[in-house]
Amino acid sequence: MNCSALINDGPAPLRAENTLGEAAEILARASVQSLPVITADGDYVGVFGISEILARIIPRVAVAGDMRANVRFIADDLSELRAKFEAIAPQLVRDWCNMQAAFVRPDTPAPEALRLFCRGHDILPVVGTNGKLLGLVSPSAAIRVISARSDKT
């Protein structure tokens, strides 16, 4: 089995021209951690997610090192974080998406996608040899296909 058997449509991808504010709304509404990013022509650009937004509003020292940082210096109320978000909201997704994010081809063996999920990827864009986004593979779609009983009628 290859990744073409695992493709699902999922939520619509983000556009490179979306602002971070628009992307935050889309991600929250779709209840997903990240989405593929495409150009107006459908060319795959990368992946953008909630972690890219949070990385711009949480002080770098809070996530440096072993991730067990003391974050007492961040205000308890959300006003400071909201102000930081409002400051970055007009920026474009294309400037902050992860262009190095893992992706698969339709003929990529399914176990490779599963290995990538085990390494922490929450989605895998499926990209054709022409550079166009064909869909995505999610862990839930993969487990749905894998766990489906072949003897069902």
C-alpha atoms as a PDB file:
ATOM      1  CA  MET A   1       0.000   0.000   0.000  1.00  0.00           C
ATOM      2  CA  ASN A   2       1.213   3.498  -0.764  1.00  0.00           C
ATOM      3  CA  CYS A   3       0.166   6.972   0.317  1.00  0.00           C
ATOM      4  CA  SER A   4      -2.354   7.355  -2.496  1.00  0.00           C
ATOM      5  CA  ALA A   5      -4.560   4.913  -0.536  1.00  0.00           C
ATOM      6  CA  LEU A   6      -4.343   7.157   2.544  1.00  0.00           C
ATOM      7  CA  ILE A   7      -5.116  10.543   0.960  1.00  0.00           C
ATOM      8  CA  ASN A   8      -8.025  12.453   2.401  1.00  0.00           C
ATOM      9  CA  ASP A   9      -9.280  15.846   1.402  1.00  0.00           C
ATOM     10  CA  GLY A  10      -9.249  17.270   4.913  1.00  0.00           C
ATOM     11  CA  PRO A  11      -9.768  20.965   5.440  1.00  0.00           C
ATOM     12  CA  ALA A  12      -8.872  23.330   2.618  1.00  0.00           C
ATOM     13  CA  PRO A  13      -5.204  24.323   2.590  1.00  0.00           C
ATOM     14  CA  LEU A  14      -4.042  27.747   3.604  1.00  0.00           C
ATOM     15  CA  ARG A  15      -3.087  30.194   0.894  1.00  0.00           C
ATOM     16  CA  ALA A  16       0.352  31.774   0.895  1.00  0.00           C
ATOM     17  CA  GLU A  17      -1.420  35.160   0.833  1.00  0.00           C
ATOM     18  CA  ASN A  18      -3.431  34.479   4.012  1.00  0.00           C
ATOM     19  CA  THR A  19      -2.477  36.619   6.971  1.00  0.00           C
ATOM     20  CA  LEU A  20      -1.461  35.003  10.240  1.00  0.00           C
ATOM     21  CA  GLY A  21      -4.722  36.307  11.694  1.00  0.00           C
ATOM     22  CA  GLU A  22      -6.743  34.575   8.975  1.00  0.00           C
ATOM     23  CA  ALA A  23      -4.677  31.417   9.387  1.00  0.00           C
ATOM     24  CA  ALA A  24      -5.320  31.379  13.143  1.00  0.00           C
ATOM     25  CA  GLU A  25      -9.076  31.586  12.507  1.00  0.00           C
ATOM     26  CA  ILE A  26      -8.963  28.840   9.864  1.00  0.00           C
ATOM     27  CA  LEU A  27      -6.883  26.503  12.041  1.00  0.00           C
ATOM     28  CA  ALA A  28      -9.124  27.061  15.066  1.00  0.00           C
ATOM     29  CA  ARG A  29     -12.323  26.597  13.067  1.00  0.00           C
ATOM     30  CA  ALA A  30     -11.022  23.366  11.485  1.00  0.00           C
ATOM     31  CA  SER A  31      -9.711  22.115  14.870  1.00  0.00           C
ATOM     32  CA  VAL A  32      -6.353  21.140  13.357  1.00  0.00           C
ATOM     33  CA  GLN A  33      -2.782  21.819  14.393  1.00  0.00           C
ATOM     34  CA  SER A  34      -1.473  22.640  10.919  1.00  0.00           C
ATOM     35  CA  LEU A  35      -2.356  22.770   7.249  1.00  0.00           C
ATOM     36  CA  PRO A  36      -0.513  22.704   3.934  1.00  0.00           C
ATOM     37  CA  VAL A  37       0.137  26.051   2.269  1.00  0.00           C
ATOM     38  CA  ILE A  38      -0.356  26.573  -1.457  1.00  0.00           C
ATOM     39  CA  THR A  39      -0.022  29.396  -3.952  1.00  0.00           C
ATOM     40  CA  ALA A  40      -2.981  30.757  -5.910  1.00  0.00           C
ATOM     41  CA  ASP A  41      -2.016  28.263  -8.657  1.00  0.00           C
ATOM     42  CA  GLY A  42      -2.129  25.293  -6.261  1.00  0.00           C
ATOM     43  CA  ASP A  43       1.630  24.856  -5.967  1.00  0.00           C
ATOM     44  CA  TYR A  44       2.726  23.392  -2.651  1.00  0.00           C
ATOM     45  CA  VAL A  45       4.749  25.836  -0.517  1.00  0.00           C
ATOM     46  CA  GLY A  46       5.042  24.246   2.933  1.00  0.00           C
ATOM     47  CA  VAL A  47       3.151  23.708   6.172  1.00  0.00           C
ATOM     48  CA  PHE A  48       1.880  26.322   8.581  1.00  0.00           C
ATOM     49  CA  GLY A  49       0.446  25.669  11.991  1.00  0.00           C
ATOM     50  CA  ILE A  50      -0.397  26.843  15.431  1.00  0.00           C
ATOM     51  CA  SER A  51       3.183  26.259  16.556  1.00  0.00           C
ATOM     52  CA  GLU A  52       4.400  28.905  14.087  1.00  0.00           C
ATOM     53  CA  ILE A  53       1.997  31.412  15.606  1.00  0.00           C
ATOM     54  CA  LEU A  54       2.861  30.538  19.189  1.00  0.00           C
ATOM     55  CA  ALA A  55       6.588  30.708  18.442  1.00  0.00           C
ATOM     56  CA  ARG A  56       6.104  34.366  17.509  1.00  0.00           C
ATOM     57  CA  ILE A  57       4.195  35.386  20.622  1.00  0.00           C
ATOM     58  CA  ILE A  58       5.907  33.351  23.346  1.00  0.00           C
ATOM     59  CA  PRO A  59       9.309  34.728  24.359  1.00  0.00           C
ATOM     60  CA  ARG A  60      12.114  32.624  22.879  1.00  0.00           C
ATOM     61  CA  VAL A  61      13.656  31.995  26.270  1.00  0.00           C
ATOM     62  CA  ALA A  62      10.454  30.169  27.295  1.00  0.00           C
ATOM     63  CA  VAL A  63      11.022  27.469  24.681  1.00  0.00           C
ATOM     64  CA  ALA A  64      14.805  27.319  24.645  1.00  0.00           C
ATOM     65  CA  GLY A  65      16.698  24.285  25.780  1.00  0.00           C
ATOM     66  CA  ASP A  66      14.943  21.258  27.174  1.00  0.00           C
ATOM     67  CA  MET A  67      11.425  22.761  27.082  1.00  0.00           C
ATOM     68  CA  ARG A  68      11.150  22.794  30.887  1.00  0.00           C
ATOM     69  CA  ALA A  69      11.727  26.514  31.183  1.00  0.00           C
ATOM     70  CA  ASN A  70      10.405  28.640  33.993  1.00  0.00           C
ATOM     71  CA  VAL A  71       7.707  30.774  32.401  1.00  0.00           C
ATOM     72  CA  ARG A  72       6.706  32.781  35.479  1.00  0.00           C
ATOM     73  CA  PHE A  73       7.893  35.940  33.729  1.00  0.00           C
ATOM     74  CA  ILE A  74       4.995  35.690  31.228  1.00  0.00           C
ATOM     75  CA  ALA A  75       2.015  37.683  32.440  1.00  0.00           C
ATOM     76  CA  ASP A  76      -0.869  35.671  33.878  1.00  0.00           C
ATOM     77  CA  ASP A  77      -3.416  37.685  31.950  1.00  0.00           C
ATOM     78  CA  LEU A  78      -3.698  37.288  28.216  1.00  0.00           C
ATOM     79  CA  SER A  79      -3.431  40.967  27.334  1.00  0.00           C
ATOM     80  CA  GLU A  80       0.308  40.821  26.572  1.00  0.00           C
ATOM     81  CA  LEU A  81      -0.076  37.719  24.391  1.00  0.00           C
ATOM     82  CA  ARG A  82      -3.082  39.223  22.623  1.00  0.00           C
ATOM     83  CA  ALA A  83      -1.114  42.401  21.924  1.00  0.00           C
ATOM     84  CA  LYS A  84       1.735  40.335  20.455  1.00  0.00           C
ATOM     85  CA  PHE A  85      -0.717  38.369  18.339  1.00  0.00           C
ATOM     86  CA  GLU A  86      -2.365  41.556  17.055  1.00  0.00           C
ATOM     87  CA  ALA A  87       1.069  42.852  16.085  1.00  0.00           C
ATOM     88  CA  ILE A  88       1.868  39.794  13.953  1.00  0.00           C
ATOM     89  CA  ALA A  89      -1.681  39.112  12.642  1.00  0.00           C
ATOM     90  CA  PRO A  90      -1.207  41.128   9.401  1.00  0.00           C
ATOM     91  CA  GLN A  91       1.934  39.204   8.390  1.00  0.00           C
ATOM     92  CA  LEU A  92       1.633  36.690   5.555  1.00  0.00           C
ATOM     93  CA  VAL A  93       1.656  32.920   5.954  1.00  0.00           C
ATOM     94  CA  ARG A  94       4.169  32.570   3.098  1.00  0.00           C
ATOM     95  CA  ASP A  95       6.755  34.414   5.187  1.00  0.00           C
ATOM     96  CA  TRP A  96       6.405  32.066   8.170  1.00  0.00           C
ATOM     97  CA  CYS A  97       5.413  28.642   6.828  1.00  0.00           C
ATOM     98  CA  ASN A  98       7.764  25.722   7.219  1.00  0.00           C
ATOM     99  CA  MET A  99       9.108  25.139   3.714  1.00  0.00           C
ATOM    100  CA  GLN A 100      11.222  22.237   4.995  1.00  0.00           C
ATOM    101  CA  ALA A 101       8.238  20.290   6.374  1.00  0.00           C
ATOM    102  CA  ALA A 102       7.991  16.643   5.432  1.00  0.00           C
ATOM    103  CA  PHE A 103       5.682  15.693   2.580  1.00  0.00           C
ATOM    104  CA  VAL A 104       5.000  12.504   0.662  1.00  0.00           C
ATOM    105  CA  ARG A 105       4.323  11.558  -2.928  1.00  0.00           C
ATOM    106  CA  PRO A 106       1.334   9.404  -3.916  1.00  0.00           C
ATOM    107  CA  ASP A 107       3.671   6.447  -4.497  1.00  0.00           C
ATOM    108  CA  THR A 108       5.480   6.816  -1.150  1.00  0.00           C
ATOM    109  CA  PRO A 109       5.077   3.531   0.755  1.00  0.00           C
ATOM    110  CA  ALA A 110       2.487   3.865   3.539  1.00  0.00           C
ATOM    111  CA  PRO A 111       4.947   2.660   6.227  1.00  0.00           C
ATOM    112  CA  GLU A 112       7.058   5.753   5.521  1.00  0.00           C
ATOM    113  CA  ALA A 113       4.076   7.982   6.325  1.00  0.00           C
ATOM    114  CA  LEU A 114       3.453   6.012   9.511  1.00  0.00           C
ATOM    115  CA  ARG A 115       7.110   6.437  10.494  1.00  0.00           C
ATOM    116  CA  LEU A 116       6.805  10.197  10.007  1.00  0.00           C
ATOM    117  CA  PHE A 117       3.677  10.276  12.182  1.00  0.00           C
ATOM    118  CA  CYS A 118       5.606   8.443  14.909  1.00  0.00           C
ATOM    119  CA  ARG A 119       8.231  11.189  14.675  1.00  0.00           C
ATOM    120  CA  GLY A 120       5.659  13.867  15.512  1.00  0.00           C
ATOM    121  CA  HIS A 121       4.261  15.057  12.177  1.00  0.00           C
ATOM    122  CA  ASP A 122       0.552  15.801  12.479  1.00  0.00           C
ATOM    123  CA  ILE A 123      -0.140  15.966   8.729  1.00  0.00           C
ATOM    124  CA  LEU A 124       1.684  14.962   5.586  1.00  0.00           C
ATOM    125  CA  PRO A 125       0.895  16.892   2.428  1.00  0.00           C
ATOM    126  CA  VAL A 126       0.742  14.687  -0.653  1.00  0.00           C
ATOM    127  CA  VAL A 127       2.543  16.496  -3.465  1.00  0.00           C
ATOM    128  CA  GLY A 128       2.589  15.435  -7.111  1.00  0.00           C
ATOM    129  CA  THR A 129       5.741  15.457  -9.208  1.00  0.00           C
ATOM    130  CA  ASN A 130       4.399  18.677 -10.761  1.00  0.00           C
ATOM    131  CA  GLY A 131       4.597  20.397  -7.352  1.00  0.00           C
ATOM    132  CA  LYS A 132       0.814  20.598  -6.909  1.00  0.00           C
ATOM    133  CA  LEU A 133      -0.849  19.679  -3.640  1.00  0.00           C
ATOM    134  CA  LEU A 134      -2.978  16.564  -4.194  1.00  0.00           C
ATOM    135  CA  GLY A 135      -4.346  16.211  -0.680  1.00  0.00           C
ATOM    136  CA  LEU A 136      -3.032  15.208   2.684  1.00  0.00           C
ATOM    137  CA  VAL A 137      -2.524  12.190   4.865  1.00  0.00           C
ATOM    138  CA  SER A 138      -3.433  12.495   8.518  1.00  0.00           C
ATOM    139  CA  PRO A 139      -2.786  10.005  11.304  1.00  0.00           C
ATOM    140  CA  SER A 140      -6.530   9.543  11.783  1.00  0.00           C
ATOM    141  CA  ALA A 141      -7.074   8.803   8.075  1.00  0.00           C
ATOM    142  CA  ALA A 142      -4.173   6.360   8.117  1.00  0.00           C
ATOM    143  CA  ILE A 143      -5.487   4.471  11.140  1.00  0.00           C
ATOM    144  CA  ARG A 144      -8.986   4.435   9.628  1.00  0.00           C
ATOM    145  CA  VAL A 145      -7.656   2.701   6.505  1.00  0.00           C
ATOM    146  CA  ILE A 146      -5.378   0.361   8.439  1.00  0.00           C
ATOM    147  CA  SER A 147      -8.018  -0.668  10.974  1.00  0.00           C
ATOM    148  CA  ALA A 148     -10.818  -1.212   8.419  1.00  0.00           C
ATOM    149  CA  ARG A 149     -11.728  -4.858   8.374  1.00  0.00           C
ATOM    150  CA  SER A 150     -11.253  -6.408   4.975  1.00  0.00           C
ATOM    151  CA  ASP A 151     -14.046  -8.932   5.623  1.00  0.00           C
ATOM    152  CA  LYS A 152     -16.750  -6.228   5.891  1.00  0.00           C
ATOM    153  CA  THR A 153     -19.490  -6.565   3.327  1.00  0.00           C
END
